[in-house]
Amino acid sequence: MAAVTQAGQPQRHVIGDLVVRFFTVSGASGSTLGTGMSNILFATNQQSTAAGTISLITAIAVSGGQLTLTSSAPMVSEVIMVIARVG
């Protein structure tokens, strides 16, 4: 699988013992995102992209610290939020 292209560094926030990161990514359906995080508890996409258009992501699969993103068309400036214990 191809990796998505990230726009800049992810934003990182700490909430208690959890870490939240926001990634802005572009790529083809089935592309992967290496988060650099472990023990991922939750991953989701924003309903709209960073550009303000409707999100095209239909599914996110988590495997270790990597996400596989499925979309209905090529992804452009999609915003992904990941909550994990380490990262």
Protein backbone atom coordinates (compact mmCIF):
# COMPACT_ATOMS: atom_id res chain seq x y z
CA MET A 1 0.00 0.00 0.00
CA ALA A 2 1.12 3.53 -0.69
CA ALA A 3 1.49 5.99 2.14
CA VAL A 4 -0.58 9.15 2.26
CA THR A 5 1.16 12.51 1.91
CA GLN A 6 1.12 14.61 5.08
CA ALA A 7 0.74 18.37 5.06
CA GLY A 8 3.17 19.59 7.73
CA GLN A 9 3.77 18.05 11.14
CA PRO A 10 0.82 16.65 13.09
CA GLN A 11 -0.54 18.75 15.93
CA ARG A 12 0.02 17.04 19.31
CA HIS A 13 -2.02 17.53 22.49
CA VAL A 14 -1.86 15.71 25.85
CA ILE A 15 -5.03 14.93 27.82
CA GLY A 16 -4.27 13.18 31.11
CA ASP A 17 -2.46 10.00 30.11
CA LEU A 18 -3.69 10.16 26.50
CA VAL A 19 -2.10 11.77 23.45
CA VAL A 20 -4.21 13.27 20.67
CA ARG A 21 -2.73 14.02 17.25
CA PHE A 22 -4.32 15.64 14.22
CA PHE A 23 -2.95 14.73 10.79
CA THR A 24 -3.78 16.46 7.49
CA VAL A 25 -3.28 13.95 4.68
CA SER A 26 -3.83 13.41 0.96
CA GLY A 27 -3.67 10.18 -1.05
CA ALA A 28 -5.48 7.37 -2.82
CA SER A 29 -8.04 5.07 -1.23
CA GLY A 30 -6.28 2.22 0.58
CA SER A 31 -3.27 4.36 1.50
CA THR A 32 -1.67 4.06 4.92
CA LEU A 33 -0.71 6.60 7.59
CA GLY A 34 2.13 5.75 9.97
CA THR A 35 1.16 7.65 13.12
CA GLY A 36 4.22 6.98 15.27
CA MET A 37 1.75 6.21 18.07
CA SER A 38 1.04 2.99 19.96
CA ASN A 39 -1.92 1.59 21.85
CA ILE A 40 -4.33 3.52 19.62
CA LEU A 41 -7.74 3.79 21.26
CA PHE A 42 -9.64 5.83 18.66
CA ALA A 43 -9.13 7.17 15.13
CA THR A 44 -11.63 9.20 13.12
CA ASN A 45 -11.85 11.71 10.31
CA GLN A 46 -13.30 15.19 10.46
CA GLN A 47 -16.59 15.55 8.54
CA SER A 48 -15.00 18.20 6.33
CA THR A 49 -11.48 18.56 4.93
CA ALA A 50 -9.01 21.31 5.83
CA ALA A 51 -10.17 23.01 2.61
CA GLY A 52 -13.81 22.92 3.76
CA THR A 53 -15.14 20.28 1.37
CA ILE A 54 -16.99 17.15 2.52
CA SER A 55 -14.75 14.30 3.70
CA LEU A 56 -14.50 11.34 1.31
CA ILE A 57 -13.18 8.85 3.89
CA THR A 58 -15.53 5.90 4.34
CA ALA A 59 -13.46 3.69 6.70
CA ILE A 60 -10.34 3.70 8.87
CA ALA A 61 -8.65 0.42 9.89
CA VAL A 62 -6.11 0.38 12.75
CA SER A 63 -3.19 -2.05 12.84
CA GLY A 64 -0.54 -1.29 15.44
CA GLY A 65 0.48 2.33 14.90
CA GLN A 66 -0.65 2.40 11.29
CA LEU A 67 -4.01 3.43 9.81
CA THR A 68 -5.37 2.29 6.45
CA LEU A 69 -7.73 4.87 4.98
CA THR A 70 -10.52 3.90 2.57
CA SER A 71 -12.24 6.66 0.61
CA SER A 72 -14.79 7.04 -2.16
CA ALA A 73 -12.30 9.10 -4.25
CA PRO A 74 -8.73 10.41 -3.87
CA MET A 75 -8.28 12.16 -0.51
CA VAL A 76 -7.21 15.81 -0.44
CA SER A 77 -6.45 17.64 2.82
CA GLU A 78 -8.36 15.16 4.99
CA VAL A 79 -8.07 15.75 8.75
CA ILE A 80 -7.55 12.61 10.89
CA MET A 81 -7.71 12.60 14.71
CA VAL A 82 -5.94 9.78 16.60
CA ILE A 83 -6.12 9.18 20.37
CA ALA A 84 -3.54 6.82 21.88
CA ARG A 85 -1.73 6.05 25.13
CA VAL A 86 1.75 6.62 23.67
CA GLY A 87 2.77 9.00 20.94
